[in-house]
Amino acid sequence: MPDPQARQPNQLPELPAAARITRGQWLTLIAAFLGWMFDGFEMGLFPLVARPALSDLLGPGQTAAVEPWLGMMAAVFLVGAATGGVLFGWLGDRIGRVRAMTLSVLTYTLFMGMCGLSRTAEEVFAYRFICSLGMGGEWSLGVALVMEIWPNESRGKLAALIGAASNVGFLTIAVISLGVGQVIGSLAAWLLAAGIPQSLVTTLVDHGAWRLLMLTGIVPALLAFLIRLFVPESERWKKEQQSGATSHWATVDLLGVAVGALGPMGMIFLCAPNWSFSLPTRVMGSVLGVGLALFGYTYPVRRYLSRAQPSGGDPRHAPAATFRRMLVGACLTGVALLGTWGAVQFAPSWADKLVEKSSAEQGLSPEAAAAARSAARSYTQILSSIGAIFGTIAGALLGNAIGRRATYTLLCLASLASALVFFRMNTEYGPFFLATIAITGGTTASFYGWIPLYLPELFRTCVRATGQGFSFNFGRILAAVGALQTGNLIRLFDNSYPNACTLIISIYVLGVFLIWLAPETRGEPLPD
């Protein structure tokens, strides 16, 4: 079977890979890297500002409601990203990778900025959901576009860059937040000098300047226009369009996605702080919610496959096999995402809590305590992000070197061990806390270098954006269940982050066994 990449224009198959790289390929990689980086920027922003933002919006006397709201905010992001992964993946397979990616970037940047204008926690909840639609879509579209345009032999290095990009964004926002925390007084003076009214300045810089930080989320919107102007469309997708395959996607099928989203949104409703549903009701609601999401999010692909009836004689890409690979991919990413979103993402909030306690014991002033807590959150995320950058690169390169299944097994074991050390051996914020979060951030993030290497290899071009979009993002629905339960578990364990998160990270044990149900794809070309 000839190499599909050999059919791309302006390339000579007989030349080495390094000599075949075109200007369009570099532009695609740069644009996608920036998109993933800003994804990480936006995702990393909320954990840093979540506690001060919710404390501000909920008002005095509502401290007990902050932790459940943290779980809900994490969950609604995951549900929105899952929905967006399927929605924008569908658009990518229907109207093209580049146009859909442009829309996804605009969605997540504009609505992250809107979060900074919110007056209630409910408004942040709504804007964060819409914002996350774009984030979920941008990941799958960028991966599909880059993997289709670059040569097969580059996939390991590309996956390493994809994983690292998001964590560069995490690191960037943590550094920005740290800088804002240290110059917040000067910042207020500069804003006043610029003619901004005192009342507005106070609103922007109060509570750790969370509104100002969220408004910076609008900046990446410029990237959308650059993508549309300079990034070339995938030749593989163009071939599908010319053959008429893209016409089998029907807009009416998106109703299934809307119905599917109702399931996980119902799970969030059952766990809302203002309601007191029993534990059995919440468990049953979560099971039904996941089932409804599974039905709705796979509906467009199932309908497409029934219309297109793709042939070619390869049983690996029959409709039933495609659906099975979607489910396996979702379970594998669900393990990684649940470990991250159900446990490690709470590290900045745990650092905040530890410093809050030590500040009270030391008798620090409210201003000094707030500055110390802000710095702790930022440093925790900085060290975690640095570890994650190296971890994602290692995860991709290791997968390319020793195989997809063996690598995933090693990543699960390393993540479990490091997370246990972090959550069970830290009792106060300090150097050991930061050292262990750097290691834990690296091991648990290593999956995000492995995932973009593996998922594109499971699907053909005609369903790649939707298939991998579902696989990666349905894993977020599973992670949303964990994020919701983490918030409840923290409250159940008397505000103990270590006890709640230790229970969540046991999911890595399941991953060790799940991976052996998945196919090994090392050394195989990207399917046509």
Protein backbone atom coordinates (compact mmCIF):
# COMPACT_ATOMS: atom_id res chain seq x y z
CA MET A 1 0.00 0.00 0.00
CA PRO A 2 1.58 3.34 -1.02
CA ASP A 3 2.30 5.98 1.56
CA PRO A 4 -0.64 8.49 1.51
CA GLN A 5 1.76 11.31 2.26
CA ALA A 6 3.48 10.68 -1.08
CA ARG A 7 0.44 12.08 -2.88
CA GLN A 8 0.80 15.53 -1.34
CA PRO A 9 1.84 18.27 -3.78
CA ASN A 10 5.36 19.71 -3.83
CA GLN A 11 6.83 16.59 -2.20
CA LEU A 12 9.27 14.03 -3.54
CA PRO A 13 8.72 10.61 -1.96
CA GLU A 14 12.25 9.44 -2.61
CA LEU A 15 13.78 12.22 -0.52
CA PRO A 16 14.33 11.94 3.25
CA ALA A 17 11.57 13.35 5.47
CA ALA A 18 13.57 16.43 6.50
CA ALA A 19 13.85 17.46 2.85
CA ARG A 20 10.12 17.10 2.18
CA ILE A 21 8.81 19.60 4.72
CA THR A 22 6.90 22.39 3.01
CA ARG A 23 6.05 25.95 4.05
CA GLY A 24 2.40 24.95 4.49
CA GLN A 25 3.35 22.17 6.88
CA TRP A 26 5.38 24.55 9.03
CA LEU A 27 2.54 27.10 9.07
CA THR A 28 0.10 24.38 10.08
CA LEU A 29 2.32 23.18 12.91
CA ILE A 30 2.95 26.73 14.21
CA ALA A 31 -0.76 27.61 14.16
CA ALA A 32 -1.76 24.35 15.82
CA PHE A 33 1.01 24.68 18.43
CA LEU A 34 -0.22 28.17 19.31
CA GLY A 35 -3.80 26.91 19.44
CA TRP A 36 -2.88 24.14 21.86
CA MET A 37 -0.72 26.54 23.86
CA PHE A 38 -3.62 28.96 24.29
CA ASP A 39 -5.82 25.98 25.17
CA GLY A 40 -3.43 25.32 28.04
CA PHE A 41 -3.37 29.03 28.87
CA GLU A 42 -7.16 29.09 29.22
CA MET A 43 -7.34 25.77 31.09
CA GLY A 44 -4.55 26.77 33.45
CA LEU A 45 -6.13 30.13 34.17
CA PHE A 46 -9.20 28.88 35.97
CA PRO A 47 -7.53 26.73 38.67
CA LEU A 48 -5.49 29.80 39.64
CA VAL A 49 -8.44 32.15 39.98
CA ALA A 50 -11.21 29.71 40.94
CA ARG A 51 -11.11 30.07 44.72
CA PRO A 52 -10.79 33.88 44.86
CA ALA A 53 -13.38 34.25 42.08
CA LEU A 54 -15.94 32.03 43.79
CA SER A 55 -15.27 33.60 47.19
CA ASP A 56 -15.95 36.99 45.59
CA LEU A 57 -19.07 35.95 43.68
CA LEU A 58 -20.65 33.81 46.39
CA GLY A 59 -20.11 36.48 49.02
CA PRO A 60 -19.31 36.37 52.76
CA GLY A 61 -20.46 33.39 54.76
CA GLN A 62 -20.46 31.02 51.77
CA THR A 63 -17.03 29.44 52.30
CA ALA A 64 -18.48 25.94 52.58
CA ALA A 65 -19.97 26.25 49.08
CA VAL A 66 -16.64 27.02 47.41
CA GLU A 67 -15.36 23.42 47.23
CA PRO A 68 -18.54 21.95 45.67
CA TRP A 69 -18.57 24.82 43.17
CA LEU A 70 -14.94 24.03 42.29
CA GLY A 71 -16.00 20.49 41.42
CA MET A 72 -18.93 21.77 39.38
CA MET A 73 -16.76 24.23 37.45
CA ALA A 74 -14.27 21.49 36.61
CA ALA A 75 -17.13 19.21 35.58
CA VAL A 76 -18.89 21.74 33.34
CA PHE A 77 -15.61 22.43 31.57
CA LEU A 78 -15.17 18.72 30.91
CA VAL A 79 -18.76 18.29 29.71
CA GLY A 80 -18.47 21.32 27.44
CA ALA A 81 -15.14 20.14 26.03
CA ALA A 82 -16.62 16.70 25.36
CA THR A 83 -19.58 18.25 23.56
CA GLY A 84 -17.33 20.64 21.65
CA GLY A 85 -14.99 17.81 20.65
CA VAL A 86 -17.85 16.03 18.88
CA LEU A 87 -19.50 19.22 17.56
CA PHE A 88 -16.35 20.80 16.12
CA GLY A 89 -15.01 17.39 15.10
CA TRP A 90 -18.19 16.97 13.05
CA LEU A 91 -17.61 20.41 11.53
CA GLY A 92 -13.99 19.50 10.77
CA ASP A 93 -15.05 16.37 8.88
CA ARG A 94 -17.91 18.24 7.17
CA ILE A 95 -16.57 21.70 6.24
CA GLY A 96 -12.81 21.26 6.66
CA ARG A 97 -10.22 21.28 9.42
CA VAL A 98 -9.12 24.91 8.99
CA ARG A 99 -12.52 26.60 8.97
CA ALA A 100 -13.72 24.57 11.95
CA MET A 101 -10.53 25.28 13.89
CA THR A 102 -10.96 29.02 13.30
CA LEU A 103 -14.46 28.89 14.79
CA SER A 104 -13.29 26.84 17.77
CA VAL A 105 -10.52 29.31 18.68
CA LEU A 106 -12.91 32.26 18.50
CA THR A 107 -15.38 30.44 20.74
CA TYR A 108 -13.00 29.64 23.56
CA THR A 109 -11.21 32.99 23.61
CA LEU A 110 -14.25 35.27 23.55
CA PHE A 111 -16.17 33.39 26.22
CA MET A 112 -13.19 33.07 28.54
CA GLY A 113 -13.04 36.86 28.45
CA MET A 114 -16.76 36.98 29.24
CA CYS A 115 -16.08 35.05 32.45
CA GLY A 116 -14.22 38.13 33.69
CA LEU A 117 -17.41 40.17 33.36
CA SER A 118 -19.58 37.75 35.35
CA ARG A 119 -21.65 38.93 38.29
CA THR A 120 -22.61 35.53 39.70
CA ALA A 121 -21.15 32.04 39.93
CA GLU A 122 -23.94 30.86 37.65
CA GLU A 123 -22.79 33.25 34.91
CA VAL A 124 -19.23 31.93 35.14
CA PHE A 125 -20.68 28.43 34.93
CA ALA A 126 -22.54 29.26 31.69
CA TYR A 127 -19.66 31.13 30.02
CA ARG A 128 -17.19 28.42 30.99
CA PHE A 129 -19.38 25.81 29.33
CA ILE A 130 -19.46 27.71 26.03
CA CYS A 131 -15.73 28.46 26.27
CA SER A 132 -14.98 24.78 26.75
CA LEU A 133 -16.89 23.87 23.58
CA GLY A 134 -14.19 25.62 21.59
CA MET A 135 -11.33 24.13 23.60
CA GLY A 136 -12.57 20.58 23.06
CA GLY A 137 -12.92 21.20 19.34
CA GLU A 138 -9.55 22.87 18.82
CA TRP A 139 -7.61 19.93 20.23
CA SER A 140 -9.10 17.29 17.93
CA LEU A 141 -9.03 19.53 14.85
CA GLY A 142 -5.41 20.57 15.36
CA VAL A 143 -4.29 16.98 15.88
CA ALA A 144 -6.14 15.75 12.78
CA LEU A 145 -4.79 18.57 10.61
CA VAL A 146 -1.15 18.25 11.66
CA MET A 147 -1.06 14.45 11.53
CA GLU A 148 -2.61 14.46 8.05
CA ILE A 149 -0.29 17.08 6.59
CA TRP A 150 3.04 15.92 8.02
CA PRO A 151 4.81 12.67 7.01
CA ASN A 152 4.07 9.43 8.88
CA GLU A 153 7.59 9.19 10.29
CA SER A 154 7.16 12.55 12.06
CA ARG A 155 4.20 11.48 14.21
CA GLY A 156 6.18 10.75 17.40
CA LYS A 157 7.85 14.17 17.43
CA LEU A 158 4.61 15.91 16.49
CA ALA A 159 2.76 14.23 19.37
CA ALA A 160 5.50 15.39 21.74
CA LEU A 161 5.05 18.98 20.55
CA ILE A 162 1.27 18.73 20.82
CA GLY A 163 1.45 17.61 24.43
CA ALA A 164 4.14 20.12 25.37
CA ALA A 165 2.28 23.06 23.78
CA SER A 166 -0.66 22.92 26.17
CA ASN A 167 1.65 22.83 29.17
CA VAL A 168 3.62 25.80 27.88
CA GLY A 169 0.29 27.63 28.09
CA PHE A 170 -0.22 26.37 31.65
CA LEU A 171 3.23 27.65 32.56
CA THR A 172 2.68 31.01 30.86
CA ILE A 173 -0.51 31.85 32.74
CA ALA A 174 1.03 30.77 36.04
CA VAL A 175 3.96 33.15 35.50
CA ILE A 176 1.58 35.95 34.51
CA SER A 177 -0.54 35.32 37.59
CA LEU A 178 2.53 35.38 39.82
CA GLY A 179 3.64 38.67 38.29
CA VAL A 180 0.19 40.23 38.72
CA GLY A 181 0.10 39.12 42.35
CA GLN A 182 3.42 40.84 43.06
CA VAL A 183 2.61 44.15 41.31
CA ILE A 184 -1.08 44.38 42.04
CA GLY A 185 -0.68 47.67 43.90
CA SER A 186 1.30 49.24 41.05
CA LEU A 187 -1.17 47.80 38.58
CA ALA A 188 -4.03 49.61 40.26
CA ALA A 189 -2.08 52.86 40.11
CA TRP A 190 -1.37 52.39 36.39
CA LEU A 191 -5.03 51.76 35.64
CA LEU A 192 -6.05 54.87 37.57
CA ALA A 193 -3.42 56.90 35.73
CA ALA A 194 -4.89 55.65 32.44
CA GLY A 195 -8.18 57.31 33.38
CA ILE A 196 -10.12 54.21 34.43
CA PRO A 197 -12.66 55.01 37.19
CA GLN A 198 -11.74 54.04 40.74
CA SER A 199 -14.76 51.74 41.13
CA LEU A 200 -13.83 49.77 38.02
CA VAL A 201 -10.17 49.53 39.06
CA THR A 202 -11.19 48.19 42.45
CA THR A 203 -13.41 45.60 40.81
CA LEU A 204 -10.61 44.49 38.47
CA VAL A 205 -7.85 44.12 41.07
CA ASP A 206 -9.83 42.85 44.07
CA HIS A 207 -9.61 39.20 45.09
CA GLY A 208 -6.32 38.51 43.37
CA ALA A 209 -7.28 40.40 40.18
CA TRP A 210 -9.19 37.36 38.94
CA ARG A 211 -11.36 39.43 36.60
CA LEU A 212 -8.35 41.05 34.98
CA LEU A 213 -6.68 37.68 34.47
CA MET A 214 -9.78 36.22 32.85
CA LEU A 215 -10.08 39.19 30.51
CA THR A 216 -6.61 38.37 29.17
CA GLY A 217 -8.24 35.27 27.69
CA ILE A 218 -9.52 37.40 24.81
CA VAL A 219 -5.97 38.01 23.51
CA PRO A 220 -5.62 34.70 21.57
CA ALA A 221 -8.63 35.63 19.38
CA LEU A 222 -6.15 37.09 16.89
CA LEU A 223 -4.89 33.55 16.24
CA ALA A 224 -8.22 32.64 14.63
CA PHE A 225 -7.73 35.18 11.86
CA LEU A 226 -4.13 34.08 11.28
CA ILE A 227 -5.27 30.47 10.95
CA ARG A 228 -7.91 31.39 8.40
CA LEU A 229 -5.50 33.49 6.34
CA PHE A 230 -2.35 31.38 6.24
CA VAL A 231 -2.98 27.74 7.19
CA PRO A 232 -3.57 25.34 4.27
CA GLU A 233 -6.34 22.76 4.32
CA SER A 234 -5.55 19.05 4.63
CA GLU A 235 -5.09 17.42 1.22
CA ARG A 236 -6.45 14.19 2.67
CA TRP A 237 -9.67 15.96 3.66
CA LYS A 238 -9.90 17.66 0.25
CA LYS A 239 -9.72 14.25 -1.39
CA GLU A 240 -12.61 13.08 0.81
CA GLN A 241 -14.60 16.18 -0.15
CA GLN A 242 -13.96 15.67 -3.87
CA SER A 243 -15.09 12.05 -3.62
CA GLY A 244 -18.38 13.19 -2.05
CA ALA A 245 -17.72 11.45 1.28
CA THR A 246 -18.22 14.63 3.31
CA SER A 247 -21.77 15.01 2.03
CA HIS A 248 -22.83 12.02 4.15
CA TRP A 249 -22.56 14.17 7.30
CA ALA A 250 -26.05 15.56 8.07
CA THR A 251 -26.75 18.60 10.24
CA VAL A 252 -29.84 16.99 11.75
CA ASP A 253 -27.56 14.39 13.39
CA LEU A 254 -26.24 17.09 15.70
CA LEU A 255 -29.52 16.85 17.60
CA GLY A 256 -28.06 13.66 19.01
CA VAL A 257 -25.12 15.63 20.43
CA ALA A 258 -27.53 18.12 22.05
CA VAL A 259 -29.49 15.25 23.61
CA GLY A 260 -26.26 13.60 24.71
CA ALA A 261 -25.12 16.75 26.49
CA LEU A 262 -28.26 16.70 28.65
CA GLY A 263 -27.01 13.56 30.42
CA PRO A 264 -23.81 14.95 31.95
CA MET A 265 -25.43 18.33 32.56
CA GLY A 266 -28.02 16.46 34.60
CA MET A 267 -25.20 14.88 36.61
CA ILE A 268 -23.90 18.34 37.45
CA PHE A 269 -27.39 19.48 38.46
CA LEU A 270 -27.70 16.54 40.87
CA CYS A 271 -24.42 17.56 42.53
CA ALA A 272 -25.19 21.28 42.73
CA PRO A 273 -24.52 22.86 46.18
CA ASN A 274 -28.03 24.28 46.35
CA TRP A 275 -29.65 20.84 46.12
CA SER A 276 -29.52 17.91 48.54
CA PHE A 277 -30.06 14.78 46.49
CA SER A 278 -29.23 11.48 48.17
CA LEU A 279 -26.07 9.55 47.25
CA PRO A 280 -28.02 6.71 45.52
CA THR A 281 -29.85 9.31 43.42
CA ARG A 282 -26.57 10.92 42.41
CA VAL A 283 -24.99 7.58 41.54
CA MET A 284 -28.00 6.50 39.44
CA GLY A 285 -28.11 9.93 37.78
CA SER A 286 -24.41 9.66 36.90
CA VAL A 287 -24.88 6.22 35.32
CA LEU A 288 -27.86 7.43 33.26
CA GLY A 289 -26.01 10.62 32.33
CA VAL A 290 -22.99 8.72 31.00
CA GLY A 291 -25.27 6.37 29.07
CA LEU A 292 -27.19 9.23 27.46
CA ALA A 293 -23.94 10.98 26.55
CA LEU A 294 -22.59 7.80 24.98
CA PHE A 295 -25.71 7.44 22.83
CA GLY A 296 -25.88 11.09 21.80
CA TYR A 297 -22.18 11.77 21.14
CA THR A 298 -21.76 8.69 18.95
CA TYR A 299 -24.99 9.32 17.03
CA PRO A 300 -23.49 11.49 14.23
CA VAL A 301 -20.75 8.95 13.51
CA ARG A 302 -23.14 6.01 13.54
CA ARG A 303 -25.49 7.81 11.15
CA TYR A 304 -22.59 8.82 8.89
CA LEU A 305 -21.27 5.26 8.71
CA SER A 306 -24.73 3.91 7.92
CA ARG A 307 -25.05 6.34 4.98
CA ALA A 308 -21.52 6.19 3.64
CA GLN A 309 -21.10 2.43 4.07
CA PRO A 310 -17.36 2.80 3.58
CA SER A 311 -15.69 -0.18 1.95
CA GLY A 312 -12.18 -1.27 1.17
CA GLY A 313 -12.00 -4.75 2.54
CA ASP A 314 -10.12 -3.85 5.72
CA PRO A 315 -12.12 -5.19 8.71
CA ARG A 316 -10.28 -2.78 11.02
CA HIS A 317 -12.30 0.08 9.52
CA ALA A 318 -15.74 -1.50 9.25
CA PRO A 319 -18.50 0.50 11.03
CA ALA A 320 -18.58 -1.86 14.03
CA ALA A 321 -14.79 -1.78 14.34
CA THR A 322 -14.76 2.03 14.15
CA PHE A 323 -17.35 2.28 16.89
CA ARG A 324 -15.41 -0.20 19.05
CA ARG A 325 -12.21 1.81 18.64
CA MET A 326 -14.06 4.96 19.66
CA LEU A 327 -15.14 3.29 22.90
CA VAL A 328 -11.70 1.87 23.68
CA GLY A 329 -10.08 5.26 22.98
CA ALA A 330 -12.60 6.98 25.25
CA CYS A 331 -11.84 4.60 28.14
CA LEU A 332 -8.08 5.04 27.77
CA THR A 333 -8.29 8.83 27.71
CA GLY A 334 -10.86 8.72 30.51
CA VAL A 335 -8.30 7.11 32.83
CA ALA A 336 -5.75 9.84 32.08
CA LEU A 337 -8.25 12.67 32.33
CA LEU A 338 -9.85 11.38 35.52
CA GLY A 339 -6.46 11.23 37.21
CA THR A 340 -5.70 14.79 36.12
CA TRP A 341 -9.07 16.48 36.62
CA GLY A 342 -10.20 14.46 39.60
CA ALA A 343 -6.99 14.88 41.56
CA VAL A 344 -3.95 16.75 40.19
CA GLN A 345 -5.97 19.79 39.04
CA PHE A 346 -6.85 20.39 42.69
CA ALA A 347 -3.18 20.89 43.62
CA PRO A 348 -3.25 24.74 43.37
CA SER A 349 -6.41 24.82 45.50
CA TRP A 350 -4.80 22.47 48.04
CA ALA A 351 -1.71 24.72 48.16
CA ASP A 352 -4.06 27.66 48.73
CA LYS A 353 -5.74 25.81 51.58
CA LEU A 354 -2.45 24.83 53.24
CA VAL A 355 -1.11 28.38 53.07
CA GLU A 356 -4.40 29.78 54.36
CA LYS A 357 -4.06 27.57 57.43
CA SER A 358 -0.39 28.43 58.05
CA SER A 359 -1.07 32.16 57.55
CA ALA A 360 -3.76 32.04 60.23
CA GLU A 361 -1.40 30.24 62.59
CA GLN A 362 1.30 32.86 61.96
CA GLY A 363 -1.11 35.73 62.42
CA LEU A 364 -0.46 37.31 59.01
CA SER A 365 -2.52 40.28 57.92
CA PRO A 366 -5.31 39.59 55.37
CA GLU A 367 -3.29 41.32 52.65
CA ALA A 368 -0.13 39.32 53.38
CA ALA A 369 -2.10 36.09 53.61
CA ALA A 370 -3.80 36.76 50.27
CA ALA A 371 -0.45 37.45 48.61
CA ALA A 372 1.05 34.27 50.08
CA ARG A 373 -1.89 32.18 48.88
CA SER A 374 -1.73 33.65 45.38
CA ALA A 375 2.00 32.93 45.17
CA ALA A 376 1.46 29.36 46.39
CA ARG A 377 -1.14 28.69 43.70
CA SER A 378 1.11 30.14 41.02
CA TYR A 379 4.27 28.32 42.08
CA THR A 380 2.35 25.05 42.34
CA GLN A 381 1.11 25.43 38.78
CA ILE A 382 4.51 26.58 37.51
CA LEU A 383 6.29 23.51 38.88
CA SER A 384 3.52 21.21 37.73
CA SER A 385 3.65 22.73 34.23
CA ILE A 386 7.42 22.43 33.96
CA GLY A 387 7.17 18.77 34.89
CA ALA A 388 4.29 18.32 32.44
CA ILE A 389 6.25 19.77 29.51
CA PHE A 390 8.98 17.16 29.96
CA GLY A 391 6.44 14.44 30.74
CA THR A 392 4.39 14.93 27.56
CA ILE A 393 7.50 14.87 25.40
CA ALA A 394 8.69 11.69 27.11
CA GLY A 395 5.26 10.03 26.76
CA ALA A 396 5.17 10.59 23.00
CA LEU A 397 8.78 9.60 22.32
CA LEU A 398 8.53 6.53 24.53
CA GLY A 399 5.36 5.44 22.73
CA ASN A 400 7.15 5.79 19.42
CA ALA A 401 10.16 3.81 20.69
CA ILE A 402 8.72 0.82 22.58
CA GLY A 403 5.10 0.64 21.45
CA ARG A 404 1.76 2.18 22.37
CA ARG A 405 0.52 -0.45 24.83
CA ALA A 406 3.75 -0.94 26.79
CA THR A 407 4.15 2.83 27.14
CA TYR A 408 0.60 3.36 28.41
CA THR A 409 1.14 0.66 31.04
CA LEU A 410 4.34 2.33 32.28
CA LEU A 411 2.65 5.75 32.37
CA CYS A 412 -0.18 4.41 34.55
CA LEU A 413 2.23 2.86 37.04
CA ALA A 414 4.46 5.96 37.20
CA SER A 415 1.44 8.26 37.64
CA LEU A 416 0.00 6.16 40.43
CA ALA A 417 3.30 6.04 42.34
CA SER A 418 4.10 9.74 42.03
CA ALA A 419 0.57 10.87 42.90
CA LEU A 420 0.54 8.68 46.00
CA VAL A 421 3.79 10.28 47.17
CA PHE A 422 2.42 13.77 46.50
CA PHE A 423 -0.91 13.33 48.26
CA ARG A 424 0.20 11.10 51.14
CA MET A 425 3.58 12.59 52.08
CA ASN A 426 2.77 16.32 52.09
CA THR A 427 1.28 18.01 55.12
CA GLU A 428 2.41 21.58 54.47
CA TYR A 429 3.31 23.83 51.56
CA GLY A 430 7.05 24.06 50.98
CA PRO A 431 9.99 22.81 48.87
CA PHE A 432 9.01 19.13 49.15
CA PHE A 433 5.46 19.97 48.11
CA LEU A 434 6.75 21.79 45.01
CA ALA A 435 9.27 19.07 44.12
CA THR A 436 6.67 16.32 44.31
CA ILE A 437 4.06 18.25 42.32
CA ALA A 438 6.68 18.76 39.57
CA ILE A 439 7.20 14.99 39.37
CA THR A 440 3.50 14.23 39.62
CA GLY A 441 2.69 16.87 37.00
CA GLY A 442 5.20 15.23 34.67
CA THR A 443 4.01 11.65 35.05
CA THR A 444 0.27 12.37 34.95
CA ALA A 445 0.63 14.73 31.97
CA SER A 446 2.73 12.25 29.99
CA PHE A 447 -0.49 10.73 28.65
CA TYR A 448 -1.14 13.95 26.73
CA GLY A 449 1.88 13.24 24.56
CA TRP A 450 0.83 9.61 24.09
CA ILE A 451 -2.84 10.36 23.25
CA PRO A 452 -2.25 12.56 20.13
CA LEU A 453 0.20 9.93 18.89
CA TYR A 454 -2.26 7.05 19.28
CA LEU A 455 -5.78 8.33 18.58
CA PRO A 456 -5.22 9.49 14.95
CA GLU A 457 -3.91 6.00 14.17
CA LEU A 458 -7.26 4.44 15.08
CA PHE A 459 -9.42 6.20 12.47
CA ARG A 460 -9.57 6.84 8.73
CA THR A 461 -9.55 10.34 7.26
CA CYS A 462 -13.32 10.47 6.71
CA VAL A 463 -14.08 10.09 10.43
CA ARG A 464 -10.77 11.05 12.03
CA ALA A 465 -11.71 14.44 13.52
CA THR A 466 -15.03 13.18 14.87
CA GLY A 467 -13.70 9.78 15.96
CA GLN A 468 -10.70 11.06 17.88
CA GLY A 469 -12.72 14.06 19.06
CA PHE A 470 -15.18 11.65 20.65
CA SER A 471 -12.47 9.37 22.04
CA PHE A 472 -10.53 12.16 23.71
CA ASN A 473 -13.49 14.18 24.83
CA PHE A 474 -15.85 11.45 25.96
CA GLY A 475 -13.04 10.61 28.34
CA ARG A 476 -13.78 14.05 29.77
CA ILE A 477 -17.33 12.95 30.61
CA LEU A 478 -15.88 10.12 32.65
CA ALA A 479 -13.47 12.61 34.22
CA ALA A 480 -16.38 14.97 34.95
CA VAL A 481 -17.92 12.25 37.12
CA GLY A 482 -14.66 12.09 39.04
CA ALA A 483 -14.32 15.87 39.31
CA LEU A 484 -17.83 16.13 40.73
CA GLN A 485 -17.17 13.34 43.19
CA THR A 486 -13.83 14.83 44.21
CA GLY A 487 -15.59 17.99 45.34
CA ASN A 488 -18.09 15.89 47.30
CA LEU A 489 -15.36 13.61 48.64
CA ILE A 490 -13.34 16.58 49.87
CA ARG A 491 -16.36 17.72 51.84
CA LEU A 492 -17.06 14.14 53.01
CA PHE A 493 -13.47 13.75 54.24
CA ASP A 494 -13.71 17.00 56.23
CA ASN A 495 -11.96 19.14 53.57
CA SER A 496 -9.11 16.65 53.19
CA TYR A 497 -7.69 16.92 49.68
CA PRO A 498 -5.23 14.00 50.20
CA ASN A 499 -7.89 11.47 51.20
CA ALA A 500 -10.28 12.41 48.39
CA CYS A 501 -7.59 12.55 45.69
CA THR A 502 -5.94 9.31 46.78
CA LEU A 503 -9.22 7.52 46.13
CA ILE A 504 -9.54 9.11 42.68
CA ILE A 505 -6.04 8.23 41.46
CA SER A 506 -6.68 4.51 41.97
CA ILE A 507 -8.19 4.73 38.46
CA TYR A 508 -4.66 4.25 37.07
CA VAL A 509 -4.81 0.60 38.19
CA LEU A 510 -7.72 0.08 35.79
CA GLY A 511 -5.72 1.67 32.97
CA VAL A 512 -2.99 -0.97 33.31
CA PHE A 513 -5.51 -3.61 32.24
CA LEU A 514 -7.61 -1.58 29.77
CA ILE A 515 -4.74 -0.85 27.38
CA TRP A 516 -4.39 -4.52 26.45
CA LEU A 517 -7.86 -4.41 24.89
CA ALA A 518 -6.62 -1.80 22.40
CA PRO A 519 -4.76 -2.51 19.14
CA GLU A 520 -1.01 -1.95 18.82
CA THR A 521 -0.39 0.54 15.99
CA ARG A 522 3.34 1.21 16.22
CA GLY A 523 4.99 1.18 12.79
CA GLU A 524 1.70 1.38 10.85
CA PRO A 525 0.93 4.26 8.42
CA LEU A 526 -1.89 6.68 9.21
CA PRO A 527 -5.08 5.04 7.82
CA ASP A 528 -6.62 6.52 4.66
